[in-house]
Amino acid sequence: MMMRWSFLTLIAFFTFNQVAAAQSETATLDLALPTDNDAIFHGGGPDFYQYIERDYHGEKSTPWEGGQYGFVRDPVETKSGVVYTRFHEGIDIRCLHRDERGEPLDEVRAIADGKVVYTNLIPSYSNYGEYIVIEHRWGGSPYFSLYGHLSKIDIHMGDAVRRGQHIAVMGYTGVGINRERAHLHLELNLMLNHNFREWYDSFLHKNDPNHHGIYNGINLAGLNIARLYLKLRENPSLTIPQFLSDEEIFYKVALPKSHHFELPELYPWMVSGTAEARSWTVSFTRSGFPLRIEPSERKVKRPEIVYVKPSSLNASYLTDGVATGPTNRAHLTEHGQQLMQLLIFPE
């Protein structure tokens, strides 16, 4: 009896430690840079980011700031000053190595352990050109790194990859990029809904076929990976929920209860409170990245905007076109209604 008890105790001990170790490992980011360009860690903005070509009021420029994450493109004049209206969901990393003809040679590597879930081999199918999506599991939740504008892809769907493993070669495939502006477009995303194909066919298929299944850029919401790299240098144990806790909330939307609302299941760290309520209130960044999910007593039959950050600007500037009108009386646009329906599709 004593031998059996000792054996079971040992099994329980090792099982507990294996589970704890697995949980710790999946929560640990330990991100590698995807190319040899490490100027981000040395304050070298112009050396790290690829410039964009801008023509603003007839004045042409090549600001490197346009290669950063965030609202860094398409400036417009407003009564409150210049506002940048186009969101850049990733970062554009400059090329370091070229051959005698000027062709990019930079090796592209996986930023972390994961599984290759998608490769686009037909450049004309996407603004990203040839691109790769790798799924990572941290803290029990799925995240997706995306590598765009590649000239050559050297892995296959279904492959397991390790942090720092060669996966591709930098290129300039995609819309509006020439050899001189060859770069790697890098994103780190969460997924909105595995029912994306059906939603796309219902709302958008007539205008543009979906070649990428659930790995279409519309279904992937990107966080600020450049800032994440820098924060991880300060705190290597930082988790994604901790990192996102500093993000500013720009608007909130009430969603009807739906069995197909996947965000609480995929990213339970977003949820506060219990599910015993009439609807959910989801808080978003300006770009539409979901940050928080809270139960609400508000009864809604369709998505409704319930808050926009106070401003003299039209709500469209603060919600990336999801809502419009004065911020204290904003309403969802048709585009906004469609995007919010994606979160709970099909109701």
Protein backbone atom coordinates (compact mmCIF):
# COMPACT_ATOMS: atom_id res chain seq x y z
CA MET A 1 0.00 0.00 0.00
CA MET A 2 2.82 2.36 0.83
CA MET A 3 4.53 1.60 -2.49
CA ARG A 4 1.29 2.35 -4.39
CA TRP A 5 0.82 5.60 -2.52
CA SER A 6 4.39 6.69 -3.22
CA PHE A 7 4.00 5.84 -6.90
CA LEU A 8 0.78 7.83 -7.21
CA THR A 9 2.31 10.70 -5.32
CA LEU A 10 5.26 10.76 -7.71
CA ILE A 11 2.94 10.61 -10.73
CA ALA A 12 0.87 13.49 -9.37
CA PHE A 13 4.00 15.46 -8.59
CA PHE A 14 5.48 15.04 -12.05
CA THR A 15 2.11 15.65 -13.74
CA PHE A 16 1.65 18.87 -11.80
CA ASN A 17 5.11 20.08 -12.67
CA GLN A 18 4.74 19.13 -16.34
CA VAL A 19 1.46 21.06 -16.55
CA ALA A 20 2.97 24.02 -14.72
CA ALA A 21 6.00 23.96 -17.00
CA ALA A 22 3.80 23.75 -20.10
CA GLN A 23 1.65 26.64 -18.91
CA SER A 24 4.76 28.70 -18.15
CA GLU A 25 6.24 27.88 -21.55
CA THR A 26 3.11 28.76 -23.48
CA ALA A 27 2.80 32.06 -21.62
CA THR A 28 6.43 33.01 -22.32
CA LEU A 29 6.85 35.03 -25.51
CA ASP A 30 10.64 35.01 -26.03
CA LEU A 31 10.36 36.71 -29.43
CA ALA A 32 13.20 36.77 -31.93
CA LEU A 33 13.57 39.44 -34.59
CA PRO A 34 12.63 38.08 -38.02
CA THR A 35 15.69 39.44 -39.89
CA ASP A 36 19.25 40.58 -39.15
CA ASN A 37 18.03 44.16 -38.76
CA ASP A 38 18.15 44.90 -35.01
CA ALA A 39 18.29 48.71 -35.18
CA ILE A 40 15.00 48.87 -33.23
CA PHE A 41 17.03 48.12 -30.10
CA HIS A 42 19.56 50.87 -30.77
CA GLY A 43 17.20 53.80 -31.36
CA GLY A 44 17.65 53.58 -35.11
CA GLY A 45 14.20 54.36 -36.47
CA PRO A 46 15.40 55.33 -39.96
CA ASP A 47 17.71 52.30 -39.98
CA PHE A 48 15.01 49.87 -38.91
CA TYR A 49 11.82 51.00 -40.69
CA GLN A 50 11.35 51.08 -44.44
CA TYR A 51 10.25 54.51 -45.67
CA ILE A 52 7.02 55.09 -47.57
CA GLU A 53 6.49 57.45 -50.49
CA ARG A 54 4.14 60.31 -49.64
CA ASP A 55 2.67 63.14 -51.72
CA TYR A 56 0.92 65.52 -49.34
CA HIS A 57 -0.47 68.72 -50.82
CA GLY A 58 1.90 68.33 -53.75
CA GLU A 59 4.96 67.92 -51.55
CA LYS A 60 6.70 64.57 -52.00
CA SER A 61 8.56 62.95 -49.11
CA THR A 62 9.83 59.59 -47.91
CA PRO A 63 9.13 59.41 -44.17
CA TRP A 64 10.43 56.32 -42.37
CA GLU A 65 7.72 56.89 -39.75
CA GLY A 66 5.22 55.47 -42.26
CA GLY A 67 6.81 52.06 -41.74
CA GLN A 68 5.80 52.00 -38.09
CA TYR A 69 2.72 50.38 -36.56
CA GLY A 70 -0.37 52.53 -36.11
CA PHE A 71 -2.09 55.45 -37.81
CA VAL A 72 0.98 56.67 -39.67
CA ARG A 73 -0.33 57.15 -43.21
CA ASP A 74 -2.73 59.29 -45.27
CA PRO A 75 -2.72 62.61 -43.37
CA VAL A 76 -5.75 64.88 -43.72
CA GLU A 77 -6.40 68.42 -42.53
CA THR A 78 -9.12 68.81 -39.89
CA LYS A 79 -10.23 71.69 -37.72
CA SER A 80 -8.17 70.11 -34.95
CA GLY A 81 -5.06 69.84 -37.11
CA VAL A 82 -3.51 67.08 -39.20
CA VAL A 83 -4.91 63.60 -38.52
CA TYR A 84 -3.41 60.41 -39.94
CA THR A 85 -6.28 58.26 -41.15
CA ARG A 86 -4.78 55.05 -42.55
CA PHE A 87 -3.88 52.31 -40.13
CA HIS A 88 -0.73 50.23 -40.67
CA GLU A 89 -1.29 46.93 -38.87
CA GLY A 90 2.32 45.80 -38.77
CA ILE A 91 5.86 47.10 -39.13
CA ASP A 92 7.96 47.38 -42.30
CA ILE A 93 11.55 46.26 -41.66
CA ARG A 94 14.29 47.62 -43.92
CA CYS A 95 16.44 45.41 -46.11
CA LEU A 96 20.10 45.03 -45.09
CA HIS A 97 21.53 42.63 -47.69
CA ARG A 98 21.36 42.88 -51.49
CA ASP A 99 23.14 41.25 -54.42
CA GLU A 100 24.96 43.11 -57.20
CA ARG A 101 21.66 43.74 -58.99
CA GLY A 102 20.03 45.22 -55.89
CA GLU A 103 17.82 42.20 -55.20
CA PRO A 104 17.06 41.70 -51.49
CA LEU A 105 18.79 38.74 -49.83
CA ASP A 106 17.66 39.10 -46.20
CA GLU A 107 16.76 35.82 -44.55
CA VAL A 108 13.33 35.79 -42.83
CA ARG A 109 12.97 33.73 -39.66
CA ALA A 110 10.11 32.66 -37.39
CA ILE A 111 9.77 35.00 -34.41
CA ALA A 112 8.77 32.14 -32.08
CA ASP A 113 7.93 28.45 -31.97
CA GLY A 114 4.73 27.63 -33.80
CA LYS A 115 2.95 25.92 -36.67
CA VAL A 116 2.65 27.17 -40.24
CA VAL A 117 -1.09 27.51 -40.83
CA TYR A 118 -1.12 29.41 -44.13
CA THR A 119 1.09 30.36 -47.07
CA ASN A 120 -0.01 32.58 -49.94
CA LEU A 121 2.02 31.67 -53.01
CA ILE A 122 0.18 33.87 -55.53
CA PRO A 123 1.34 37.49 -55.05
CA SER A 124 -1.61 39.06 -56.90
CA TYR A 125 -4.05 37.56 -54.39
CA SER A 126 -3.01 39.98 -51.64
CA ASN A 127 -1.55 43.40 -50.91
CA TYR A 128 0.94 41.43 -48.79
CA GLY A 129 2.13 39.57 -51.92
CA GLU A 130 3.55 36.20 -50.95
CA TYR A 131 3.05 35.80 -47.22
CA ILE A 132 3.18 33.30 -44.36
CA VAL A 133 1.03 32.96 -41.23
CA ILE A 134 2.35 31.04 -38.21
CA GLU A 135 0.19 30.16 -35.21
CA HIS A 136 1.68 30.45 -31.71
CA ARG A 137 0.10 29.38 -28.43
CA TRP A 138 0.79 31.54 -25.40
CA GLY A 139 -1.13 31.27 -22.16
CA GLY A 140 -3.59 28.90 -23.85
CA SER A 141 -4.58 31.44 -26.53
CA PRO A 142 -3.74 31.48 -30.25
CA TYR A 143 -1.74 34.31 -31.83
CA PHE A 144 -0.65 34.63 -35.43
CA SER A 145 2.53 36.12 -36.83
CA LEU A 146 2.35 37.24 -40.47
CA TYR A 147 5.35 37.77 -42.77
CA GLY A 148 4.60 39.67 -45.98
CA HIS A 149 6.19 40.77 -49.30
CA LEU A 150 8.33 37.64 -49.57
CA SER A 151 10.24 36.61 -52.70
CA LYS A 152 10.62 32.97 -51.69
CA ILE A 153 8.83 30.76 -49.16
CA ASP A 154 10.81 27.80 -47.83
CA ILE A 155 8.32 26.11 -45.49
CA HIS A 156 4.94 24.44 -46.01
CA MET A 157 1.53 24.54 -44.39
CA GLY A 158 1.46 22.19 -41.42
CA ASP A 159 5.18 22.49 -40.67
CA ALA A 160 6.25 22.95 -37.07
CA VAL A 161 8.84 25.73 -36.82
CA ARG A 162 11.20 26.83 -34.09
CA ARG A 163 12.11 30.31 -32.93
CA GLY A 164 14.74 31.76 -35.29
CA GLN A 165 14.22 29.10 -37.98
CA HIS A 166 14.64 30.15 -41.61
CA ILE A 167 11.24 30.32 -43.32
CA ALA A 168 11.61 32.66 -46.33
CA VAL A 169 13.55 35.36 -48.18
CA MET A 170 12.61 39.04 -48.15
CA GLY A 171 11.15 40.47 -51.35
CA TYR A 172 8.89 43.14 -52.79
CA THR A 173 5.82 41.18 -53.85
CA GLY A 174 2.49 42.91 -53.34
CA VAL A 175 0.91 46.19 -54.34
CA GLY A 176 2.93 49.41 -54.71
CA ILE A 177 6.38 48.10 -53.75
CA ASN A 178 9.43 48.20 -55.99
CA ARG A 179 12.89 46.70 -55.59
CA GLU A 180 14.25 49.81 -53.92
CA ARG A 181 11.56 49.60 -51.23
CA ALA A 182 11.95 45.85 -50.59
CA HIS A 183 11.14 45.09 -46.95
CA LEU A 184 9.51 42.60 -44.59
CA HIS A 185 6.03 43.42 -43.35
CA LEU A 186 5.58 41.80 -39.92
CA GLU A 187 2.41 41.51 -37.84
CA LEU A 188 1.36 39.79 -34.63
CA ASN A 189 -2.38 39.19 -34.53
CA LEU A 190 -5.28 37.61 -32.75
CA MET A 191 -8.15 36.00 -34.68
CA LEU A 192 -11.71 37.36 -34.63
CA ASN A 193 -13.89 34.45 -35.76
CA HIS A 194 -13.39 30.99 -37.26
CA ASN A 195 -16.67 31.50 -39.14
CA PHE A 196 -14.98 34.20 -41.22
CA ARG A 197 -15.48 32.47 -44.58
CA GLU A 198 -19.26 32.39 -44.17
CA TRP A 199 -19.33 36.02 -42.98
CA TYR A 200 -17.20 37.10 -45.95
CA ASP A 201 -19.45 35.30 -48.41
CA SER A 202 -22.48 37.02 -46.87
CA PHE A 203 -21.12 40.57 -46.92
CA LEU A 204 -18.14 41.00 -49.24
CA HIS A 205 -17.81 38.12 -51.71
CA LYS A 206 -19.53 39.95 -54.60
CA ASN A 207 -16.79 42.60 -54.73
CA ASP A 208 -13.67 40.54 -54.11
CA PRO A 209 -13.27 36.78 -53.62
CA ASN A 210 -11.61 35.58 -50.42
CA HIS A 211 -8.50 33.63 -51.39
CA HIS A 212 -7.14 33.25 -47.86
CA GLY A 213 -9.84 31.56 -45.79
CA ILE A 214 -9.76 32.49 -42.11
CA TYR A 215 -6.24 33.96 -42.54
CA ASN A 216 -7.54 36.96 -44.45
CA GLY A 217 -6.21 40.22 -43.01
CA ILE A 218 -9.74 41.37 -42.12
CA ASN A 219 -10.00 38.48 -39.65
CA LEU A 220 -6.64 39.20 -37.99
CA ALA A 221 -6.35 42.11 -35.53
CA GLY A 222 -2.77 43.31 -35.07
CA LEU A 223 -1.11 44.58 -31.92
CA ASN A 224 1.89 46.92 -31.74
CA ILE A 225 4.68 44.37 -32.16
CA ALA A 226 7.45 46.99 -32.22
CA ARG A 227 6.44 48.27 -28.79
CA LEU A 228 6.12 44.65 -27.61
CA TYR A 229 9.73 43.93 -28.63
CA LEU A 230 10.92 46.96 -26.66
CA LYS A 231 8.82 46.12 -23.58
CA LEU A 232 10.11 42.56 -23.58
CA ARG A 233 13.67 43.91 -23.41
CA GLU A 234 12.67 45.68 -20.20
CA ASN A 235 10.63 42.77 -18.82
CA PRO A 236 11.27 39.35 -20.42
CA SER A 237 8.43 37.75 -18.40
CA LEU A 238 5.83 40.15 -19.83
CA THR A 239 2.65 38.46 -21.12
CA ILE A 240 0.39 39.72 -23.88
CA PRO A 241 -2.51 40.52 -21.50
CA GLN A 242 -0.11 42.54 -19.34
CA PHE A 243 1.27 44.31 -22.40
CA LEU A 244 -2.20 45.23 -23.66
CA SER A 245 -3.37 46.52 -20.28
CA ASP A 246 -1.76 49.89 -21.11
CA GLU A 247 -3.65 50.34 -24.39
CA GLU A 248 -6.16 53.20 -24.56
CA ILE A 249 -9.85 52.47 -25.12
CA PHE A 250 -11.33 54.61 -27.90
CA TYR A 251 -14.80 53.12 -28.28
CA LYS A 252 -17.18 50.46 -26.97
CA VAL A 253 -19.82 48.41 -28.75
CA ALA A 254 -22.70 46.41 -27.26
CA LEU A 255 -23.16 43.01 -28.91
CA PRO A 256 -26.18 40.71 -28.63
CA LYS A 257 -25.60 37.38 -26.88
CA SER A 258 -24.46 34.79 -29.40
CA HIS A 259 -23.17 31.21 -29.13
CA HIS A 260 -20.77 32.09 -31.97
CA PHE A 261 -19.00 34.89 -30.10
CA GLU A 262 -15.54 33.31 -30.03
CA LEU A 263 -13.37 36.02 -28.48
CA PRO A 264 -14.25 35.05 -24.87
CA GLU A 265 -13.27 31.45 -25.60
CA LEU A 266 -10.11 32.19 -27.58
CA TYR A 267 -8.90 35.02 -25.31
CA PRO A 268 -10.50 34.55 -21.88
CA TRP A 269 -8.15 37.16 -20.40
CA MET A 270 -10.32 39.80 -22.09
CA VAL A 271 -13.41 38.82 -20.08
CA SER A 272 -14.44 40.39 -16.79
CA GLY A 273 -17.61 39.46 -14.89
CA THR A 274 -19.96 36.56 -15.60
CA ALA A 275 -21.92 35.55 -18.70
CA GLU A 276 -25.26 36.05 -16.95
CA ALA A 277 -26.26 39.23 -18.77
CA ARG A 278 -28.30 40.38 -21.75
CA SER A 279 -25.41 41.47 -23.93
CA TRP A 280 -21.65 41.98 -24.09
CA THR A 281 -19.83 45.30 -24.17
CA VAL A 282 -16.55 45.11 -26.08
CA SER A 283 -13.90 47.83 -25.73
CA PHE A 284 -11.63 48.62 -28.68
CA THR A 285 -8.50 50.58 -29.53
CA ARG A 286 -8.74 53.22 -32.24
CA SER A 287 -7.78 50.60 -34.85
CA GLY A 288 -10.46 48.14 -33.71
CA PHE A 289 -8.29 45.80 -31.65
CA PRO A 290 -10.51 44.28 -28.91
CA LEU A 291 -9.20 44.81 -25.39
CA ARG A 292 -11.96 44.02 -22.92
CA ILE A 293 -15.26 42.11 -22.83
CA GLU A 294 -17.81 42.89 -20.11
CA PRO A 295 -21.35 41.61 -19.45
CA SER A 296 -24.08 44.22 -19.75
CA GLU A 297 -27.75 44.57 -18.84
CA ARG A 298 -28.36 46.52 -22.04
CA LYS A 299 -30.70 44.61 -24.35
CA VAL A 300 -29.69 44.92 -28.00
CA LYS A 301 -30.87 43.12 -31.12
CA ARG A 302 -27.91 44.21 -33.21
CA PRO A 303 -24.52 45.77 -32.48
CA GLU A 304 -24.72 49.32 -31.06
CA ILE A 305 -22.02 51.88 -30.32
CA VAL A 306 -22.26 52.82 -26.63
CA TYR A 307 -19.15 54.97 -26.14
CA VAL A 308 -16.64 56.98 -28.16
CA LYS A 309 -13.76 58.87 -26.58
CA PRO A 310 -14.85 62.53 -26.26
CA SER A 311 -13.34 64.71 -28.99
CA SER A 312 -14.16 67.61 -31.30
CA LEU A 313 -13.34 65.27 -34.19
CA ASN A 314 -15.94 63.20 -35.96
CA ALA A 315 -16.17 59.71 -34.44
CA SER A 316 -14.96 58.21 -37.72
CA TYR A 317 -11.43 59.47 -36.98
CA LEU A 318 -11.44 57.78 -33.57
CA THR A 319 -12.90 54.43 -34.69
CA ASP A 320 -11.25 53.87 -38.08
CA GLY A 321 -14.60 54.37 -39.79
CA VAL A 322 -16.56 51.96 -37.58
CA ALA A 323 -18.74 54.81 -36.27
CA THR A 324 -19.59 58.32 -37.41
CA GLY A 325 -21.18 61.49 -36.05
CA PRO A 326 -20.39 63.60 -32.96
CA THR A 327 -18.64 61.46 -30.37
CA ASN A 328 -21.51 61.88 -27.88
CA ARG A 329 -24.11 60.79 -30.46
CA ALA A 330 -22.15 58.43 -32.69
CA HIS A 331 -23.67 55.51 -34.55
CA LEU A 332 -22.19 52.54 -36.36
CA THR A 333 -21.61 52.93 -40.08
CA GLU A 334 -22.64 50.16 -42.47
CA HIS A 335 -19.00 49.11 -42.51
CA GLY A 336 -18.99 49.13 -38.70
CA GLN A 337 -22.14 47.03 -38.50
CA GLN A 338 -20.56 44.44 -40.79
CA LEU A 339 -17.35 44.25 -38.76
CA MET A 340 -19.25 43.90 -35.49
CA GLN A 341 -21.42 41.19 -37.02
CA LEU A 342 -18.21 39.29 -37.78
CA LEU A 343 -17.54 38.94 -34.05
CA ILE A 344 -20.82 37.08 -33.45
CA PHE A 345 -21.45 35.56 -36.88
CA PRO A 346 -23.72 33.74 -37.40
CA GLU A 347 -26.01 35.02 -34.64
